[in-house]
PDB file of N, CA and C in Angstrom:
ATOM      1  N   MET A   1      68.785 136.068  97.291  1.00  0.00           N
ATOM      2  CA  MET A   1      69.312 136.723  98.445  1.00  0.00           C
ATOM      3  C   MET A   1      69.978 138.040  98.082  1.00  0.00           C
ATOM      4  N   SER A   2      70.353 138.235  96.857  1.00  0.00           N
ATOM      5  CA  SER A   2      71.086 139.426  96.456  1.00  0.00           C
ATOM      6  C   SER A   2      70.186 140.660  96.436  1.00  0.00           C
ATOM      7  N   THR A   3      70.645 141.712  97.114  1.00  0.00           N
ATOM      8  CA  THR A   3      69.909 142.965  97.144  1.00  0.00           C
ATOM      9  C   THR A   3      70.664 144.057  96.416  1.00  0.00           C
ATOM     10  N   GLY A   4      71.805 143.721  95.839  1.00  0.00           N
ATOM     11  CA  GLY A   4      72.613 144.704  95.151  1.00  0.00           C
ATOM     12  C   GLY A   4      73.623 145.367  96.059  1.00  0.00           C
ATOM     13  N   SER A   5      73.576 145.096  97.345  1.00  0.00           N
ATOM     14  CA  SER A   5      74.534 145.676  98.272  1.00  0.00           C
ATOM     15  C   SER A   5      75.753 144.774  98.393  1.00  0.00           C
ATOM     16  N   ALA A   6      76.805 145.326  98.988  1.00  0.00           N
ATOM     17  CA  ALA A   6      78.025 144.542  99.177  1.00  0.00           C
ATOM     18  C   ALA A   6      77.755 143.407 100.164  1.00  0.00           C
ATOM     19  N   PRO A   7      78.349 142.254  99.931  1.00  0.00           N
ATOM     20  CA  PRO A   7      78.136 141.136 100.856  1.00  0.00           C
ATOM     21  C   PRO A   7      78.750 141.428 102.217  1.00  0.00           C
ATOM     22  N   GLU A   8      78.129 140.898 103.253  1.00  0.00           N
ATOM     23  CA  GLU A   8      78.664 141.045 104.601  1.00  0.00           C
ATOM     24  C   GLU A   8      79.868 140.135 104.813  1.00  0.00           C
ATOM     25  N   VAL A   9      79.883 139.023 104.120  1.00  0.00           N
ATOM     26  CA  VAL A   9      80.970 138.058 104.286  1.00  0.00           C
ATOM     27  C   VAL A   9      81.256 137.403 102.935  1.00  0.00           C
ATOM     28  N   THR A  10      82.524 137.100 102.718  1.00  0.00           N
ATOM     29  CA  THR A  10      82.939 136.377 101.517  1.00  0.00           C
ATOM     30  C   THR A  10      83.647 135.105 101.941  1.00  0.00           C
ATOM     31  N   PHE A  11      83.201 133.994 101.421  1.00  0.00           N
ATOM     32  CA  PHE A  11      83.832 132.710 101.671  1.00  0.00           C
ATOM     33  C   PHE A  11      84.792 132.428 100.524  1.00  0.00           C
ATOM     34  N   VAL A  12      85.983 131.964 100.851  1.00  0.00           N
ATOM     35  CA  VAL A  12      86.982 131.590  99.851  1.00  0.00           C
ATOM     36  C   VAL A  12      87.164 130.087  99.939  1.00  0.00           C
ATOM     37  N   LEU A  13      86.825 129.398  98.848  1.00  0.00           N
ATOM     38  CA  LEU A  13      86.913 127.940  98.814  1.00  0.00           C
ATOM     39  C   LEU A  13      87.970 127.507  97.806  1.00  0.00           C
ATOM     40  N   PRO A  14      89.165 127.153  98.265  1.00  0.00           N
ATOM     41  CA  PRO A  14      90.145 126.606  97.328  1.00  0.00           C
ATOM     42  C   PRO A  14      89.709 125.191  96.941  1.00  0.00           C
ATOM     43  N   VAL A  15      89.812 124.869  95.673  1.00  0.00           N
ATOM     44  CA  VAL A  15      89.396 123.542  95.208  1.00  0.00           C
ATOM     45  C   VAL A  15      90.488 122.900  94.371  1.00  0.00           C
ATOM     46  N   PHE A  16      90.437 121.580  94.334  1.00  0.00           N
ATOM     47  CA  PHE A  16      91.321 120.792  93.477  1.00  0.00           C
ATOM     48  C   PHE A  16      90.579 119.515  93.135  1.00  0.00           C
ATOM     49  N   ASN A  17      89.979 119.488  91.960  1.00  0.00           N
ATOM     50  CA  ASN A  17      89.248 118.304  91.483  1.00  0.00           C
ATOM     51  C   ASN A  17      88.246 117.801  92.523  1.00  0.00           C
ATOM     52  N   GLU A  18      87.249 118.637  92.817  1.00  0.00           N
ATOM     53  CA  GLU A  18      86.225 118.325  93.822  1.00  0.00           C
ATOM     54  C   GLU A  18      84.817 118.238  93.225  1.00  0.00           C
ATOM     55  N   PRO A  19      84.633 117.550  92.092  1.00  0.00           N
ATOM     56  CA  PRO A  19      83.305 117.552  91.476  1.00  0.00           C
ATOM     57  C   PRO A  19      82.228 116.888  92.339  1.00  0.00           C
ATOM     58  N   ASP A  20      82.599 115.943  93.171  1.00  0.00           N
ATOM     59  CA  ASP A  20      81.609 115.241  93.986  1.00  0.00           C
ATOM     60  C   ASP A  20      81.229 115.997  95.249  1.00  0.00           C
ATOM     61  N   ALA A  21      82.089 116.901  95.706  1.00  0.00           N
ATOM     62  CA  ALA A  21      81.845 117.582  96.978  1.00  0.00           C
ATOM     63  C   ALA A  21      81.363 119.020  96.837  1.00  0.00           C
ATOM     64  N   ILE A  22      81.639 119.662  95.724  1.00  0.00           N
ATOM     65  CA  ILE A  22      81.398 121.105  95.631  1.00  0.00           C
ATOM     66  C   ILE A  22      79.916 121.469  95.672  1.00  0.00           C
ATOM     67  N   GLU A  23      79.066 120.714  95.029  1.00  0.00           N
ATOM     68  CA  GLU A  23      77.642 121.074  95.028  1.00  0.00           C
ATOM     69  C   GLU A  23      77.074 121.051  96.444  1.00  0.00           C
ATOM     70  N   GLY A  24      77.354 120.015  97.196  1.00  0.00           N
ATOM     71  CA  GLY A  24      76.862 119.933  98.572  1.00  0.00           C
ATOM     72  C   GLY A  24      77.398 121.062  99.437  1.00  0.00           C
ATOM     73  N   THR A  25      78.652 121.401  99.235  1.00  0.00           N
ATOM     74  CA  THR A  25      79.257 122.492  99.999  1.00  0.00           C
ATOM     75  C   THR A  25      78.573 123.817  99.683  1.00  0.00           C
ATOM     76  N   LEU A  26      78.394 124.103  98.407  1.00  0.00           N
ATOM     77  CA  LEU A  26      77.758 125.361  98.010  1.00  0.00           C
ATOM     78  C   LEU A  26      76.301 125.431  98.455  1.00  0.00           C
ATOM     79  N   ARG A  27      75.592 124.336  98.344  1.00  0.00           N
ATOM     80  CA  ARG A  27      74.182 124.326  98.780  1.00  0.00           C
ATOM     81  C   ARG A  27      74.086 124.497 100.296  1.00  0.00           C
ATOM     82  N   SER A  28      74.996 123.891 101.038  1.00  0.00           N
ATOM     83  CA  SER A  28      75.002 124.057 102.490  1.00  0.00           C
ATOM     84  C   SER A  28      75.243 125.508 102.880  1.00  0.00           C
ATOM     85  N   LEU A  29      76.194 126.152 102.220  1.00  0.00           N
ATOM     86  CA  LEU A  29      76.441 127.567 102.501  1.00  0.00           C
ATOM     87  C   LEU A  29      75.194 128.387 102.194  1.00  0.00           C
ATOM     88  N   GLN A  30      74.579 128.116 101.072  1.00  0.00           N
ATOM     89  CA  GLN A  30      73.390 128.861 100.658  1.00  0.00           C
ATOM     90  C   GLN A  30      72.264 128.717 101.695  1.00  0.00           C
ATOM     91  N   GLU A  31      72.115 127.526 102.246  1.00  0.00           N
ATOM     92  CA  GLU A  31      71.057 127.266 103.213  1.00  0.00           C
ATOM     93  C   GLU A  31      71.380 127.780 104.608  1.00  0.00           C
ATOM     94  N   LEU A  32      72.629 127.675 105.017  1.00  0.00           N
ATOM     95  CA  LEU A  32      72.994 127.985 106.397  1.00  0.00           C
ATOM     96  C   LEU A  32      73.329 129.446 106.667  1.00  0.00           C
ATOM     97  N   VAL A  33      73.855 130.129 105.677  1.00  0.00           N
ATOM     98  CA  VAL A  33      74.307 131.504 105.885  1.00  0.00           C
ATOM     99  C   VAL A  33      73.131 132.443 105.676  1.00  0.00           C
ATOM    100  N   GLU A  34      72.819 133.208 106.711  1.00  0.00           N
ATOM    101  CA  GLU A  34      71.630 134.056 106.675  1.00  0.00           C
ATOM    102  C   GLU A  34      71.936 135.513 106.354  1.00  0.00           C
ATOM    103  N   VAL A  35      73.194 135.846 106.146  1.00  0.00           N
ATOM    104  CA  VAL A  35      73.552 137.218 105.784  1.00  0.00           C
ATOM    105  C   VAL A  35      73.943 137.259 104.317  1.00  0.00           C
ATOM    106  N   GLU A  36      73.928 138.464 103.758  1.00  0.00           N
ATOM    107  CA  GLU A  36      74.365 138.648 102.374  1.00  0.00           C
ATOM    108  C   GLU A  36      75.808 138.158 102.261  1.00  0.00           C
ATOM    109  N   HIS A  37      76.071 137.288 101.305  1.00  0.00           N
ATOM    110  CA  HIS A  37      77.409 136.714 101.197  1.00  0.00           C
ATOM    111  C   HIS A  37      77.781 136.453  99.744  1.00  0.00           C
ATOM    112  N   SER A  38      79.073 136.242  99.546  1.00  0.00           N
ATOM    113  CA  SER A  38      79.569 135.801  98.254  1.00  0.00           C
ATOM    114  C   SER A  38      80.496 134.621  98.497  1.00  0.00           C
ATOM    115  N   VAL A  39      80.705 133.843  97.448  1.00  0.00           N
ATOM    116  CA  VAL A  39      81.570 132.670  97.534  1.00  0.00           C
ATOM    117  C   VAL A  39      82.544 132.715  96.366  1.00  0.00           C
ATOM    118  N   LEU A  40      83.820 132.726  96.673  1.00  0.00           N
ATOM    119  CA  LEU A  40      84.856 132.650  95.644  1.00  0.00           C
ATOM    120  C   LEU A  40      85.389 131.229  95.615  1.00  0.00           C
ATOM    121  N   VAL A  41      85.194 130.551  94.513  1.00  0.00           N
ATOM    122  CA  VAL A  41      85.737 129.207  94.320  1.00  0.00           C
ATOM    123  C   VAL A  41      87.047 129.399  93.566  1.00  0.00           C
ATOM    124  N   VAL A  42      88.157 129.139  94.258  1.00  0.00           N
ATOM    125  CA  VAL A  42      89.484 129.414  93.712  1.00  0.00           C
ATOM    126  C   VAL A  42      90.111 128.117  93.213  1.00  0.00           C
ATOM    127  N   TYR A  43      90.533 128.137  91.952  1.00  0.00           N
ATOM    128  CA  TYR A  43      91.127 126.958  91.330  1.00  0.00           C
ATOM    129  C   TYR A  43      92.468 127.335  90.707  1.00  0.00           C
ATOM    130  N   ASP A  44      93.314 126.333  90.468  1.00  0.00           N
ATOM    131  CA  ASP A  44      94.666 126.570  89.960  1.00  0.00           C
ATOM    132  C   ASP A  44      94.820 126.332  88.464  1.00  0.00           C
ATOM    133  N   PHE A  45      93.985 125.490  87.876  1.00  0.00           N
ATOM    134  CA  PHE A  45      94.168 125.163  86.461  1.00  0.00           C
ATOM    135  C   PHE A  45      92.815 124.937  85.799  1.00  0.00           C
ATOM    136  N   ASP A  46      92.731 125.264  84.525  1.00  0.00           N
ATOM    137  CA  ASP A  46      91.465 125.227  83.782  1.00  0.00           C
ATOM    138  C   ASP A  46      90.876 123.829  83.628  1.00  0.00           C
ATOM    139  N   GLU A  47      91.667 122.801  83.800  1.00  0.00           N
ATOM    140  CA  GLU A  47      91.179 121.431  83.660  1.00  0.00           C
ATOM    141  C   GLU A  47      90.622 120.874  84.965  1.00  0.00           C
ATOM    142  N   ASP A  48      90.578 121.671  86.020  1.00  0.00           N
ATOM    143  CA  ASP A  48      90.046 121.221  87.312  1.00  0.00           C
ATOM    144  C   ASP A  48      88.624 120.707  87.094  1.00  0.00           C
ATOM    145  N   THR A  49      88.348 119.514  87.556  1.00  0.00           N
ATOM    146  CA  THR A  49      87.041 118.885  87.328  1.00  0.00           C
ATOM    147  C   THR A  49      85.922 119.505  88.166  1.00  0.00           C
ATOM    148  N   THR A  50      86.258 120.412  89.050  1.00  0.00           N
ATOM    149  CA  THR A  50      85.264 121.133  89.835  1.00  0.00           C
ATOM    150  C   THR A  50      84.529 122.161  88.982  1.00  0.00           C
ATOM    151  N   LEU A  51      85.214 122.718  88.001  1.00  0.00           N
ATOM    152  CA  LEU A  51      84.690 123.854  87.239  1.00  0.00           C
ATOM    153  C   LEU A  51      83.363 123.596  86.536  1.00  0.00           C
ATOM    154  N   PRO A  52      83.195 122.482  85.822  1.00  0.00           N
ATOM    155  CA  PRO A  52      81.899 122.277  85.148  1.00  0.00           C
ATOM    156  C   PRO A  52      80.724 122.237  86.125  1.00  0.00           C
ATOM    157  N   VAL A  53      80.940 121.680  87.292  1.00  0.00           N
ATOM    158  CA  VAL A  53      79.861 121.607  88.283  1.00  0.00           C
ATOM    159  C   VAL A  53      79.506 123.005  88.771  1.00  0.00           C
ATOM    160  N   VAL A  54      80.520 123.806  89.072  1.00  0.00           N
ATOM    161  CA  VAL A  54      80.270 125.171  89.542  1.00  0.00           C
ATOM    162  C   VAL A  54      79.582 125.989  88.449  1.00  0.00           C
ATOM    163  N   ARG A  55      80.052 125.878  87.244  1.00  0.00           N
ATOM    164  CA  ARG A  55      79.441 126.633  86.135  1.00  0.00           C
ATOM    165  C   ARG A  55      77.969 126.263  85.948  1.00  0.00           C
ATOM    166  N   GLU A  56      77.648 125.009  86.152  1.00  0.00           N
ATOM    167  CA  GLU A  56      76.262 124.566  86.029  1.00  0.00           C
ATOM    168  C   GLU A  56      75.386 125.143  87.145  1.00  0.00           C
ATOM    169  N   LEU A  57      75.968 125.337  88.315  1.00  0.00           N
ATOM    170  CA  LEU A  57      75.221 125.856  89.464  1.00  0.00           C
ATOM    171  C   LEU A  57      75.112 127.378  89.489  1.00  0.00           C
ATOM    172  N   GLN A  58      76.009 128.070  88.826  1.00  0.00           N
ATOM    173  CA  GLN A  58      76.043 129.526  88.907  1.00  0.00           C
ATOM    174  C   GLN A  58      74.725 130.227  88.549  1.00  0.00           C
ATOM    175  N   PRO A  59      73.954 129.781  87.569  1.00  0.00           N
ATOM    176  CA  PRO A  59      72.676 130.472  87.310  1.00  0.00           C
ATOM    177  C   PRO A  59      71.728 130.443  88.520  1.00  0.00           C
ATOM    178  N   GLN A  60      71.807 129.385  89.314  1.00  0.00           N
ATOM    179  CA  GLN A  60      70.974 129.257  90.506  1.00  0.00           C
ATOM    180  C   GLN A  60      71.597 129.946  91.719  1.00  0.00           C
ATOM    181  N   MET A  61      72.897 130.186  91.657  1.00  0.00           N
ATOM    182  CA  MET A  61      73.646 130.720  92.789  1.00  0.00           C
ATOM    183  C   MET A  61      74.493 131.915  92.339  1.00  0.00           C
ATOM    184  N   PRO A  62      73.880 133.054  92.164  1.00  0.00           N
ATOM    185  CA  PRO A  62      74.627 134.209  91.652  1.00  0.00           C
ATOM    186  C   PRO A  62      75.723 134.704  92.604  1.00  0.00           C
ATOM    187  N   GLU A  63      75.691 134.267  93.842  1.00  0.00           N
ATOM    188  CA  GLU A  63      76.722 134.672  94.800  1.00  0.00           C
ATOM    189  C   GLU A  63      78.041 133.921  94.582  1.00  0.00           C
ATOM    190  N   VAL A  64      78.027 132.884  93.754  1.00  0.00           N
ATOM    191  CA  VAL A  64      79.212 132.054  93.518  1.00  0.00           C
ATOM    192  C   VAL A  64      79.984 132.566  92.308  1.00  0.00           C
ATOM    193  N   GLN A  65      81.278 132.784  92.505  1.00  0.00           N
ATOM    194  CA  GLN A  65      82.155 133.228  91.427  1.00  0.00           C
ATOM    195  C   GLN A  65      83.370 132.318  91.361  1.00  0.00           C
ATOM    196  N   LEU A  66      83.848 132.096  90.169  1.00  0.00           N
ATOM    197  CA  LEU A  66      85.082 131.347  89.976  1.00  0.00           C
ATOM    198  C   LEU A  66      86.246 132.335  89.884  1.00  0.00           C
ATOM    199  N   LEU A  67      87.358 131.960  90.476  1.00  0.00           N
ATOM    200  CA  LEU A  67      88.550 132.808  90.438  1.00  0.00           C
ATOM    201  C   LEU A  67      89.766 131.906  90.250  1.00  0.00           C
ATOM    202  N   ARG A  68      90.490 132.145  89.167  1.00  0.00           N
ATOM    203  CA  ARG A  68      91.691 131.352  88.915  1.00  0.00           C
ATOM    204  C   ARG A  68      92.865 131.935  89.681  1.00  0.00           C
ATOM    205  N   ASN A  69      93.573 131.071  90.388  1.00  0.00           N
ATOM    206  CA  ASN A  69      94.773 131.458  91.120  1.00  0.00           C
ATOM    207  C   ASN A  69      95.936 131.475  90.138  1.00  0.00           C
ATOM    208  N   ASP A  70      96.436 132.640  89.834  1.00  0.00           N
ATOM    209  CA  ASP A  70      97.572 132.779  88.941  1.00  0.00           C
ATOM    210  C   ASP A  70      98.869 133.065  89.691  1.00  0.00           C
ATOM    211  N   LEU A  71      98.801 133.092  91.028  1.00  0.00           N
ATOM    212  CA  LEU A  71      99.957 133.458  91.834  1.00  0.00           C
ATOM    213  C   LEU A  71     100.796 132.257  92.259  1.00  0.00           C
ATOM    214  N   GLY A  72     100.284 131.059  92.096  1.00  0.00           N
ATOM    215  CA  GLY A  72     100.992 129.863  92.535  1.00  0.00           C
ATOM    216  C   GLY A  72     100.538 129.478  93.934  1.00  0.00           C
ATOM    217  N   ARG A  73     100.975 128.340  94.366  1.00  0.00           N
ATOM    218  CA  ARG A  73     100.535 127.840  95.676  1.00  0.00           C
ATOM    219  C   ARG A  73     101.106 128.685  96.743  1.00  0.00           C
TER     220      ARG A  73
END
């Protein structure tokens, strides 16, 4: 879907240990959203169990980026 242009919309997904739900959520966004988009998966700590799943999906989903929240809740 990437054309090199800026995305029309950015989704921000805060996560906390969501390894079972994140893949379905990301795939649903990929299928349902018809405009150029990006997805920021925001996590608070490096041990979050969501991260390995997202990292595994990133080669297939270049619109997905991980972003660590360093500002606190």
